[in-house]
Amino acid sequence: MKTIQWYPGHMAKARREIKEKLKLIDVVIELVDARLPQSSRNPLIDELAQQKPRLMLLNKADLADPAETERWRAFFKRTGAEVLAINAQTGAGVKNIAPACKTLASALYQKWEQKGMKPRPLRAIILGIPNVGKSTLINRLVNKRQAKVGDRPGVTKQQQWIKVKQELELLDTPGILWPKFEDELVGLRLAATGAIKDELLDYGDVAAYALRYLAAEYPDLLEARYGIERNSEEDDIVPLFEAIGKKRGCIVRGGLVDFDKTAELILRELRSGTIGKVTLEKAEHEAL
């Protein structure tokens, strides 16, 4: 797979605007996908956030492998960040965000107290790549549809300040992706979860990657969902594609398997959690 170039103009503009707004920010909230916590991070955020207190939110935790989520929480805590696993869709864990921000800003509260200043709402910025769930999270925090929500990347197009009760003022921002993916696996993982627009990558290549990973790391889930077993000695992924296609009726004229339809089926069921709770990268690999 060639290096993917994907850096729309509104993302370059968003980066400049975020850099300008950071002087007003008390806490940086970084939202990542719990299924691929490292690959769904934007390397630019470390540069933009500088030394600001950081809250890491592992969103879509309901779709991720719980054991792997715990390992990722421990991994990020070792970097000095506060870490919460949440589900913005249902609201699970969201009530802990404001208290976590207050804990991170304890030095600021002390400074205000020493100066005899009345505490004001904390100003936080929410950063993350497209389609990671920022708008859904904001709507859950304010309990209304104040931010646009969509199931495709790039729905938020401009910044807006949003009040969360009397505790927080949130700066919503468009999702930012880095200019290119040097690592082929990062691109495949992002595509597998739908963070990259589907037309930018070949569906078949992405589904083949996902199927190969599932066969190696979650064979029981494959067997439970599709009623097929994977021969661990077999490198060729085609027989697995064919078996799934036949089981699920993805057939074209002549009784042949429709590989495109099968690929779409696999990715749709992976993204929705129908296959099961899956994490596409492991924390212990990052620690090496």
C-alpha atoms as a PDB file:
ATOM      1  CA  MET A   1       0.000   0.000   0.000  1.00  0.00           C
ATOM      2  CA  LYS A   2       1.432   3.361  -0.948  1.00  0.00           C
ATOM      3  CA  THR A   3       1.780   6.201   1.545  1.00  0.00           C
ATOM      4  CA  ILE A   4      -1.607   7.848   2.031  1.00  0.00           C
ATOM      5  CA  GLN A   5      -1.801  11.604   1.551  1.00  0.00           C
ATOM      6  CA  TRP A   6      -4.872  13.038   3.261  1.00  0.00           C
ATOM      7  CA  TYR A   7      -4.647  16.552   4.576  1.00  0.00           C
ATOM      8  CA  PRO A   8      -7.615  18.685   3.503  1.00  0.00           C
ATOM      9  CA  GLY A   9      -7.301  22.448   3.704  1.00  0.00           C
ATOM     10  CA  HIS A  10      -9.693  22.771   6.635  1.00  0.00           C
ATOM     11  CA  MET A  11      -7.369  20.563   8.697  1.00  0.00           C
ATOM     12  CA  ALA A  12      -4.349  22.770   8.048  1.00  0.00           C
ATOM     13  CA  LYS A  13      -6.451  25.771   9.051  1.00  0.00           C
ATOM     14  CA  ALA A  14      -7.670  23.971  12.196  1.00  0.00           C
ATOM     15  CA  ARG A  15      -4.089  23.287  13.251  1.00  0.00           C
ATOM     16  CA  ARG A  16      -3.199  26.991  12.998  1.00  0.00           C
ATOM     17  CA  GLU A  17      -6.311  28.027  14.931  1.00  0.00           C
ATOM     18  CA  ILE A  18      -5.703  25.468  17.691  1.00  0.00           C
ATOM     19  CA  LYS A  19      -2.167  26.749  18.157  1.00  0.00           C
ATOM     20  CA  GLU A  20      -3.520  30.285  18.587  1.00  0.00           C
ATOM     21  CA  LYS A  21      -6.198  29.204  21.103  1.00  0.00           C
ATOM     22  CA  LEU A  22      -3.910  27.112  23.317  1.00  0.00           C
ATOM     23  CA  LYS A  23      -2.868  30.106  25.440  1.00  0.00           C
ATOM     24  CA  LEU A  24      -6.496  30.224  26.676  1.00  0.00           C
ATOM     25  CA  ILE A  25      -6.634  26.518  27.515  1.00  0.00           C
ATOM     26  CA  ASP A  26      -6.247  24.970  30.980  1.00  0.00           C
ATOM     27  CA  VAL A  27      -6.627  21.271  30.124  1.00  0.00           C
ATOM     28  CA  VAL A  28      -6.167  19.341  26.887  1.00  0.00           C
ATOM     29  CA  ILE A  29      -8.617  16.482  26.380  1.00  0.00           C
ATOM     30  CA  GLU A  30      -7.348  14.001  23.824  1.00  0.00           C
ATOM     31  CA  LEU A  31      -9.934  11.596  22.462  1.00  0.00           C
ATOM     32  CA  VAL A  32      -8.748   8.331  20.912  1.00  0.00           C
ATOM     33  CA  ASP A  33     -10.410   5.131  19.752  1.00  0.00           C
ATOM     34  CA  ALA A  34     -10.056   2.401  22.393  1.00  0.00           C
ATOM     35  CA  ARG A  35      -9.736  -0.190  19.611  1.00  0.00           C
ATOM     36  CA  LEU A  36      -6.508   1.414  18.330  1.00  0.00           C
ATOM     37  CA  PRO A  37      -5.354   3.895  20.978  1.00  0.00           C
ATOM     38  CA  GLN A  38      -1.926   4.612  19.514  1.00  0.00           C
ATOM     39  CA  SER A  39      -2.830   4.595  15.828  1.00  0.00           C
ATOM     40  CA  SER A  40      -5.772   6.940  16.469  1.00  0.00           C
ATOM     41  CA  ARG A  41      -3.527   9.520  18.120  1.00  0.00           C
ATOM     42  CA  ASN A  42      -2.343  12.466  16.103  1.00  0.00           C
ATOM     43  CA  PRO A  43       1.407  13.054  16.560  1.00  0.00           C
ATOM     44  CA  LEU A  44       0.757  16.783  16.082  1.00  0.00           C
ATOM     45  CA  ILE A  45      -1.211  16.903  19.344  1.00  0.00           C
ATOM     46  CA  ASP A  46       1.929  16.435  21.445  1.00  0.00           C
ATOM     47  CA  GLU A  47       3.449  19.420  19.654  1.00  0.00           C
ATOM     48  CA  LEU A  48       0.294  21.523  19.958  1.00  0.00           C
ATOM     49  CA  ALA A  49      -0.512  20.638  23.583  1.00  0.00           C
ATOM     50  CA  GLN A  50       3.031  21.283  24.821  1.00  0.00           C
ATOM     51  CA  GLN A  51       3.103  21.091  28.636  1.00  0.00           C
ATOM     52  CA  LYS A  52      -0.645  21.455  29.215  1.00  0.00           C
ATOM     53  CA  PRO A  53      -2.268  18.920  31.594  1.00  0.00           C
ATOM     54  CA  ARG A  54      -3.619  16.044  29.513  1.00  0.00           C
ATOM     55  CA  LEU A  55      -6.717  13.898  29.888  1.00  0.00           C
ATOM     56  CA  MET A  56      -6.761  10.837  27.616  1.00  0.00           C
ATOM     57  CA  LEU A  57     -10.199   9.444  26.796  1.00  0.00           C
ATOM     58  CA  LEU A  58     -10.383   5.943  25.344  1.00  0.00           C
ATOM     59  CA  ASN A  59     -13.690   6.222  23.513  1.00  0.00           C
ATOM     60  CA  LYS A  60     -15.783   3.385  22.067  1.00  0.00           C
ATOM     61  CA  ALA A  61     -14.517   1.206  24.906  1.00  0.00           C
ATOM     62  CA  ASP A  62     -17.660  -0.898  24.500  1.00  0.00           C
ATOM     63  CA  LEU A  63     -16.284  -2.124  21.142  1.00  0.00           C
ATOM     64  CA  ALA A  64     -12.763  -2.858  22.427  1.00  0.00           C
ATOM     65  CA  ASP A  65     -11.257  -5.864  24.191  1.00  0.00           C
ATOM     66  CA  PRO A  66     -11.638  -4.963  27.923  1.00  0.00           C
ATOM     67  CA  ALA A  67      -8.339  -6.591  28.910  1.00  0.00           C
ATOM     68  CA  GLU A  68      -6.468  -4.622  26.258  1.00  0.00           C
ATOM     69  CA  THR A  69      -8.215  -1.404  27.301  1.00  0.00           C
ATOM     70  CA  GLU A  70      -6.887  -1.852  30.846  1.00  0.00           C
ATOM     71  CA  ARG A  71      -3.369  -2.355  29.489  1.00  0.00           C
ATOM     72  CA  TRP A  72      -3.669   0.818  27.413  1.00  0.00           C
ATOM     73  CA  ARG A  73      -4.923   2.767  30.420  1.00  0.00           C
ATOM     74  CA  ALA A  74      -1.837   1.707  32.361  1.00  0.00           C
ATOM     75  CA  PHE A  75       0.400   2.544  29.391  1.00  0.00           C
ATOM     76  CA  PHE A  76      -0.880   6.106  29.013  1.00  0.00           C
ATOM     77  CA  LYS A  77      -0.887   6.745  32.773  1.00  0.00           C
ATOM     78  CA  ARG A  78       2.844   6.041  32.743  1.00  0.00           C
ATOM     79  CA  THR A  79       3.233   8.987  30.348  1.00  0.00           C
ATOM     80  CA  GLY A  80       1.761  11.310  32.993  1.00  0.00           C
ATOM     81  CA  ALA A  81      -1.753  11.631  31.593  1.00  0.00           C
ATOM     82  CA  GLU A  82      -5.036  10.994  33.361  1.00  0.00           C
ATOM     83  CA  VAL A  83      -6.867   8.228  31.524  1.00  0.00           C
ATOM     84  CA  LEU A  84     -10.555   7.287  31.310  1.00  0.00           C
ATOM     85  CA  ALA A  85     -12.277   4.587  29.277  1.00  0.00           C
ATOM     86  CA  ILE A  86     -15.633   5.872  28.056  1.00  0.00           C
ATOM     87  CA  ASN A  87     -18.512   5.256  25.676  1.00  0.00           C
ATOM     88  CA  ALA A  88     -19.733   8.622  24.427  1.00  0.00           C
ATOM     89  CA  GLN A  89     -22.661   6.964  22.684  1.00  0.00           C
ATOM     90  CA  THR A  90     -24.217   5.618  25.901  1.00  0.00           C
ATOM     91  CA  GLY A  91     -22.569   8.038  28.343  1.00  0.00           C
ATOM     92  CA  ALA A  92     -20.629   5.372  30.230  1.00  0.00           C
ATOM     93  CA  GLY A  93     -17.726   7.014  32.080  1.00  0.00           C
ATOM     94  CA  VAL A  94     -18.582  10.521  30.823  1.00  0.00           C
ATOM     95  CA  LYS A  95     -19.543  11.812  34.297  1.00  0.00           C
ATOM     96  CA  ASN A  96     -15.917  11.309  35.372  1.00  0.00           C
ATOM     97  CA  ILE A  97     -14.523  13.758  32.814  1.00  0.00           C
ATOM     98  CA  ALA A  98     -15.178  17.029  34.691  1.00  0.00           C
ATOM     99  CA  PRO A  99     -13.748  15.718  38.006  1.00  0.00           C
ATOM    100  CA  ALA A 100     -10.673  14.432  36.154  1.00  0.00           C
ATOM    101  CA  CYS A 101     -10.156  17.863  34.574  1.00  0.00           C
ATOM    102  CA  LYS A 102     -10.417  19.491  38.015  1.00  0.00           C
ATOM    103  CA  THR A 103      -7.795  17.102  39.376  1.00  0.00           C
ATOM    104  CA  LEU A 104      -5.468  17.932  36.487  1.00  0.00           C
ATOM    105  CA  ALA A 105      -5.959  21.667  37.093  1.00  0.00           C
ATOM    106  CA  SER A 106      -5.322  21.521  40.856  1.00  0.00           C
ATOM    107  CA  ALA A 107      -2.217  23.725  40.538  1.00  0.00           C
ATOM    108  CA  LEU A 108      -4.309  26.352  38.744  1.00  0.00           C
ATOM    109  CA  TYR A 109      -6.949  26.317  41.486  1.00  0.00           C
ATOM    110  CA  GLN A 110      -4.217  26.798  44.091  1.00  0.00           C
ATOM    111  CA  LYS A 111      -2.824  29.743  42.128  1.00  0.00           C
ATOM    112  CA  TRP A 112      -6.272  31.386  41.994  1.00  0.00           C
ATOM    113  CA  GLU A 113      -6.748  30.831  45.718  1.00  0.00           C
ATOM    114  CA  GLN A 114      -3.366  32.350  46.568  1.00  0.00           C
ATOM    115  CA  LYS A 115      -4.249  35.433  44.502  1.00  0.00           C
ATOM    116  CA  GLY A 116      -7.695  35.672  46.105  1.00  0.00           C
ATOM    117  CA  MET A 117      -9.374  35.081  42.750  1.00  0.00           C
ATOM    118  CA  LYS A 118     -12.775  33.465  42.363  1.00  0.00           C
ATOM    119  CA  PRO A 119     -12.469  30.212  40.379  1.00  0.00           C
ATOM    120  CA  ARG A 120     -13.850  30.365  36.841  1.00  0.00           C
ATOM    121  CA  PRO A 121     -14.954  27.429  34.679  1.00  0.00           C
ATOM    122  CA  LEU A 122     -12.019  25.433  33.401  1.00  0.00           C
ATOM    123  CA  ARG A 123     -11.267  25.894  29.732  1.00  0.00           C
ATOM    124  CA  ALA A 124     -10.593  22.659  27.927  1.00  0.00           C
ATOM    125  CA  ILE A 125      -9.933  21.778  24.324  1.00  0.00           C
ATOM    126  CA  ILE A 126     -11.023  18.463  22.820  1.00  0.00           C
ATOM    127  CA  LEU A 127      -8.611  17.150  20.200  1.00  0.00           C
ATOM    128  CA  GLY A 128      -8.728  14.025  18.108  1.00  0.00           C
ATOM    129  CA  ILE A 129      -8.744  12.585  14.622  1.00  0.00           C
ATOM    130  CA  PRO A 130     -11.960  12.533  12.556  1.00  0.00           C
ATOM    131  CA  ASN A 131     -14.705  10.059  13.420  1.00  0.00           C
ATOM    132  CA  VAL A 132     -13.355   9.311  16.881  1.00  0.00           C
ATOM    133  CA  GLY A 133     -16.523  10.618  18.557  1.00  0.00           C
ATOM    134  CA  LYS A 134     -15.848  14.217  19.609  1.00  0.00           C
ATOM    135  CA  SER A 135     -19.245  15.585  18.638  1.00  0.00           C
ATOM    136  CA  THR A 136     -21.051  12.649  20.250  1.00  0.00           C
ATOM    137  CA  LEU A 137     -19.085  13.229  23.460  1.00  0.00           C
ATOM    138  CA  ILE A 138     -19.878  16.947  23.562  1.00  0.00           C
ATOM    139  CA  ASN A 139     -23.557  16.300  22.994  1.00  0.00           C
ATOM    140  CA  ARG A 140     -23.500  13.784  25.824  1.00  0.00           C
ATOM    141  CA  LEU A 141     -21.727  16.262  28.139  1.00  0.00           C
ATOM    142  CA  VAL A 142     -24.197  19.078  27.487  1.00  0.00           C
ATOM    143  CA  ASN A 143     -27.141  16.689  27.137  1.00  0.00           C
ATOM    144  CA  LYS A 144     -28.275  18.115  23.815  1.00  0.00           C
ATOM    145  CA  ARG A 145     -27.340  18.211  20.145  1.00  0.00           C
ATOM    146  CA  GLN A 146     -25.060  21.226  20.269  1.00  0.00           C
ATOM    147  CA  ALA A 147     -22.322  19.765  18.093  1.00  0.00           C
ATOM    148  CA  LYS A 148     -22.902  18.188  14.701  1.00  0.00           C
ATOM    149  CA  VAL A 149     -22.735  14.414  14.683  1.00  0.00           C
ATOM    150  CA  GLY A 150     -22.047  12.157  11.721  1.00  0.00           C
ATOM    151  CA  ASP A 151     -20.911   8.616  10.988  1.00  0.00           C
ATOM    152  CA  ARG A 152     -18.318   9.784   8.505  1.00  0.00           C
ATOM    153  CA  PRO A 153     -15.000  11.581   9.077  1.00  0.00           C
ATOM    154  CA  GLY A 154     -14.812  15.358   8.944  1.00  0.00           C
ATOM    155  CA  VAL A 155     -18.270  16.429  10.165  1.00  0.00           C
ATOM    156  CA  THR A 156     -17.024  19.200  12.505  1.00  0.00           C
ATOM    157  CA  LYS A 157     -15.728  21.993  10.271  1.00  0.00           C
ATOM    158  CA  GLN A 158     -15.213  24.948  12.634  1.00  0.00           C
ATOM    159  CA  GLN A 159     -14.365  25.698  16.257  1.00  0.00           C
ATOM    160  CA  GLN A 160     -17.010  26.526  18.835  1.00  0.00           C
ATOM    161  CA  TRP A 161     -17.039  27.131  22.607  1.00  0.00           C
ATOM    162  CA  ILE A 162     -19.538  24.973  24.482  1.00  0.00           C
ATOM    163  CA  LYS A 163     -20.498  25.298  28.160  1.00  0.00           C
ATOM    164  CA  VAL A 164     -20.817  22.187  30.315  1.00  0.00           C
ATOM    165  CA  LYS A 165     -22.895  23.255  33.330  1.00  0.00           C
ATOM    166  CA  GLN A 166     -20.799  25.662  35.430  1.00  0.00           C
ATOM    167  CA  GLU A 167     -17.677  23.502  35.495  1.00  0.00           C
ATOM    168  CA  LEU A 168     -16.212  23.453  32.026  1.00  0.00           C
ATOM    169  CA  GLU A 169     -16.021  25.457  28.839  1.00  0.00           C
ATOM    170  CA  LEU A 170     -15.113  23.207  25.949  1.00  0.00           C
ATOM    171  CA  LEU A 171     -13.550  24.257  22.682  1.00  0.00           C
ATOM    172  CA  ASP A 172     -14.691  21.817  20.038  1.00  0.00           C
ATOM    173  CA  THR A 173     -12.389  21.524  17.043  1.00  0.00           C
ATOM    174  CA  PRO A 174     -12.418  19.772  13.693  1.00  0.00           C
ATOM    175  CA  GLY A 175     -10.626  16.428  13.664  1.00  0.00           C
ATOM    176  CA  ILE A 176      -7.038  16.601  12.524  1.00  0.00           C
ATOM    177  CA  LEU A 177      -5.148  13.873  10.711  1.00  0.00           C
ATOM    178  CA  TRP A 178      -1.432  14.086  10.170  1.00  0.00           C
ATOM    179  CA  PRO A 179      -0.280  14.886   6.600  1.00  0.00           C
ATOM    180  CA  LYS A 180       0.531  11.274   5.680  1.00  0.00           C
ATOM    181  CA  PHE A 181       0.734   7.797   7.154  1.00  0.00           C
ATOM    182  CA  GLU A 182       4.306   6.550   6.998  1.00  0.00           C
ATOM    183  CA  ASP A 183       3.351   3.260   8.660  1.00  0.00           C
ATOM    184  CA  GLU A 184       1.168   1.043   6.481  1.00  0.00           C
ATOM    185  CA  LEU A 185      -0.357  -0.647   9.538  1.00  0.00           C
ATOM    186  CA  VAL A 186      -1.563   2.668  10.967  1.00  0.00           C
ATOM    187  CA  GLY A 187      -3.461   3.383   7.767  1.00  0.00           C
ATOM    188  CA  LEU A 188      -4.973  -0.106   7.696  1.00  0.00           C
ATOM    189  CA  ARG A 189      -6.075   0.062  11.332  1.00  0.00           C
ATOM    190  CA  LEU A 190      -7.678   3.457  10.869  1.00  0.00           C
ATOM    191  CA  ALA A 191      -9.422   2.298   7.723  1.00  0.00           C
ATOM    192  CA  ALA A 192     -10.666  -0.859   9.430  1.00  0.00           C
ATOM    193  CA  THR A 193     -12.487   1.203  12.061  1.00  0.00           C
ATOM    194  CA  GLY A 194     -13.810   3.764   9.562  1.00  0.00           C
ATOM    195  CA  ALA A 195     -11.636   6.706  10.627  1.00  0.00           C
ATOM    196  CA  ILE A 196     -10.408   7.129   7.043  1.00  0.00           C
ATOM    197  CA  LYS A 197     -12.938   7.705   4.289  1.00  0.00           C
ATOM    198  CA  ASP A 198     -13.605   4.388   2.598  1.00  0.00           C
ATOM    199  CA  GLU A 199     -12.831   5.664  -0.895  1.00  0.00           C
ATOM    200  CA  LEU A 200      -9.209   6.393   0.080  1.00  0.00           C
ATOM    201  CA  LEU A 201      -8.277   2.729   0.477  1.00  0.00           C
ATOM    202  CA  ASP A 202      -9.164  -0.520  -1.241  1.00  0.00           C
ATOM    203  CA  TYR A 203     -11.933  -2.239   0.714  1.00  0.00           C
ATOM    204  CA  GLY A 204     -10.485  -5.637  -0.079  1.00  0.00           C
ATOM    205  CA  ASP A 205      -7.014  -4.778   1.248  1.00  0.00           C
ATOM    206  CA  VAL A 206      -8.473  -3.392   4.486  1.00  0.00           C
ATOM    207  CA  ALA A 207     -10.789  -6.373   4.979  1.00  0.00           C
ATOM    208  CA  ALA A 208      -7.910  -8.783   4.285  1.00  0.00           C
ATOM    209  CA  TYR A 209      -5.829  -7.059   6.955  1.00  0.00           C
ATOM    210  CA  ALA A 210      -8.731  -7.177   9.430  1.00  0.00           C
ATOM    211  CA  LEU A 211      -9.466 -10.819   8.706  1.00  0.00           C
ATOM    212  CA  ARG A 212      -5.817 -11.824   9.036  1.00  0.00           C
ATOM    213  CA  TYR A 213      -5.587  -9.997  12.381  1.00  0.00           C
ATOM    214  CA  LEU A 214      -8.812 -11.531  13.672  1.00  0.00           C
ATOM    215  CA  ALA A 215      -7.685 -15.005  12.632  1.00  0.00           C
ATOM    216  CA  ALA A 216      -4.412 -14.581  14.513  1.00  0.00           C
ATOM    217  CA  GLU A 217      -5.648 -12.740  17.635  1.00  0.00           C
ATOM    218  CA  TYR A 218      -9.369 -13.537  17.951  1.00  0.00           C
ATOM    219  CA  PRO A 219      -9.989 -16.912  16.243  1.00  0.00           C
ATOM    220  CA  ASP A 220     -12.739 -17.782  18.743  1.00  0.00           C
ATOM    221  CA  LEU A 221     -14.718 -14.703  17.732  1.00  0.00           C
ATOM    222  CA  LEU A 222     -14.448 -15.644  14.049  1.00  0.00           C
ATOM    223  CA  GLU A 223     -15.624 -19.158  14.756  1.00  0.00           C
ATOM    224  CA  ALA A 224     -18.508 -17.945  16.920  1.00  0.00           C
ATOM    225  CA  ARG A 225     -19.686 -15.373  14.366  1.00  0.00           C
ATOM    226  CA  TYR A 226     -19.201 -17.236  11.095  1.00  0.00           C
ATOM    227  CA  GLY A 227     -19.008 -20.870  12.173  1.00  0.00           C
ATOM    228  CA  ILE A 228     -15.613 -21.411  10.587  1.00  0.00           C
ATOM    229  CA  GLU A 229     -12.227 -22.447  11.875  1.00  0.00           C
ATOM    230  CA  ARG A 230      -8.922 -20.956  10.822  1.00  0.00           C
ATOM    231  CA  ASN A 231      -5.878 -23.123  10.171  1.00  0.00           C
ATOM    232  CA  SER A 232      -3.086 -21.243  11.956  1.00  0.00           C
ATOM    233  CA  GLU A 233      -0.500 -22.763   9.566  1.00  0.00           C
ATOM    234  CA  GLU A 234      -2.260 -21.324   6.527  1.00  0.00           C
ATOM    235  CA  ASP A 235      -0.931 -17.998   5.195  1.00  0.00           C
ATOM    236  CA  ASP A 236      -3.454 -17.616   2.376  1.00  0.00           C
ATOM    237  CA  ILE A 237      -6.451 -15.568   3.525  1.00  0.00           C
ATOM    238  CA  VAL A 238      -8.528 -16.358   0.414  1.00  0.00           C
ATOM    239  CA  PRO A 239     -10.046 -19.625   1.733  1.00  0.00           C
ATOM    240  CA  LEU A 240     -11.234 -17.733   4.818  1.00  0.00           C
ATOM    241  CA  PHE A 241     -12.798 -15.044   2.636  1.00  0.00           C
ATOM    242  CA  GLU A 242     -14.525 -17.737   0.590  1.00  0.00           C
ATOM    243  CA  ALA A 243     -15.813 -19.583   3.638  1.00  0.00           C
ATOM    244  CA  ILE A 244     -17.322 -16.404   5.106  1.00  0.00           C
ATOM    245  CA  GLY A 245     -18.769 -15.372   1.749  1.00  0.00           C
ATOM    246  CA  LYS A 246     -20.470 -18.753   1.304  1.00  0.00           C
ATOM    247  CA  LYS A 247     -21.761 -18.815   4.881  1.00  0.00           C
ATOM    248  CA  ARG A 248     -23.299 -15.362   4.532  1.00  0.00           C
ATOM    249  CA  GLY A 249     -24.631 -15.706   0.987  1.00  0.00           C
ATOM    250  CA  CYS A 250     -22.245 -13.269  -0.716  1.00  0.00           C
ATOM    251  CA  ILE A 251     -22.514 -15.118  -4.025  1.00  0.00           C
ATOM    252  CA  VAL A 252     -22.492 -13.942  -7.635  1.00  0.00           C
ATOM    253  CA  ARG A 253     -23.653 -15.737 -10.799  1.00  0.00           C
ATOM    254  CA  GLY A 254     -22.051 -19.146 -11.193  1.00  0.00           C
ATOM    255  CA  GLY A 255     -21.901 -19.753  -7.441  1.00  0.00           C
ATOM    256  CA  LEU A 256     -18.687 -17.799  -6.983  1.00  0.00           C
ATOM    257  CA  VAL A 257     -18.023 -15.732  -3.874  1.00  0.00           C
ATOM    258  CA  ASP A 258     -18.444 -11.972  -4.252  1.00  0.00           C
ATOM    259  CA  PHE A 259     -15.233 -10.795  -2.575  1.00  0.00           C
ATOM    260  CA  ASP A 260     -16.217  -7.118  -2.561  1.00  0.00           C
ATOM    261  CA  LYS A 261     -19.507  -7.858  -0.842  1.00  0.00           C
ATOM    262  CA  THR A 262     -17.747 -10.169   1.623  1.00  0.00           C
ATOM    263  CA  ALA A 263     -15.166  -7.465   2.389  1.00  0.00           C
ATOM    264  CA  GLU A 264     -17.928  -4.925   3.065  1.00  0.00           C
ATOM    265  CA  LEU A 265     -19.688  -7.414   5.343  1.00  0.00           C
ATOM    266  CA  ILE A 266     -16.546  -8.117   7.392  1.00  0.00           C
ATOM    267  CA  LEU A 267     -15.720  -4.435   7.876  1.00  0.00           C
ATOM    268  CA  ARG A 268     -19.302  -3.493   8.699  1.00  0.00           C
ATOM    269  CA  GLU A 269     -19.520  -6.204  11.353  1.00  0.00           C
ATOM    270  CA  LEU A 270     -16.083  -5.370  12.750  1.00  0.00           C
ATOM    271  CA  ARG A 271     -16.926  -1.661  13.054  1.00  0.00           C
ATOM    272  CA  SER A 272     -20.304  -2.275  14.683  1.00  0.00           C
ATOM    273  CA  GLY A 273     -18.928  -4.759  17.209  1.00  0.00           C
ATOM    274  CA  THR A 274     -21.065  -7.566  15.765  1.00  0.00           C
ATOM    275  CA  ILE A 275     -18.005  -9.812  15.510  1.00  0.00           C
ATOM    276  CA  GLY A 276     -17.150  -9.067  19.149  1.00  0.00           C
ATOM    277  CA  LYS A 277     -14.958  -6.842  21.296  1.00  0.00           C
ATOM    278  CA  VAL A 278     -11.748  -6.352  19.339  1.00  0.00           C
ATOM    279  CA  THR A 279      -8.634  -4.227  19.872  1.00  0.00           C
ATOM    280  CA  LEU A 280      -6.455  -3.875  16.781  1.00  0.00           C
ATOM    281  CA  GLU A 281      -3.152  -3.088  18.514  1.00  0.00           C
ATOM    282  CA  LYS A 282      -1.628  -4.201  21.782  1.00  0.00           C
ATOM    283  CA  ALA A 283      -0.154  -1.989  24.491  1.00  0.00           C
ATOM    284  CA  GLU A 284       2.748  -4.310  25.239  1.00  0.00           C
ATOM    285  CA  HIS A 285       4.095  -3.773  21.716  1.00  0.00           C
ATOM    286  CA  GLU A 286       4.313  -0.030  22.415  1.00  0.00           C
ATOM    287  CA  ALA A 287       6.303  -0.653  25.578  1.00  0.00           C
ATOM    288  CA  LEU A 288       9.034  -2.556  23.750  1.00  0.00           C
END
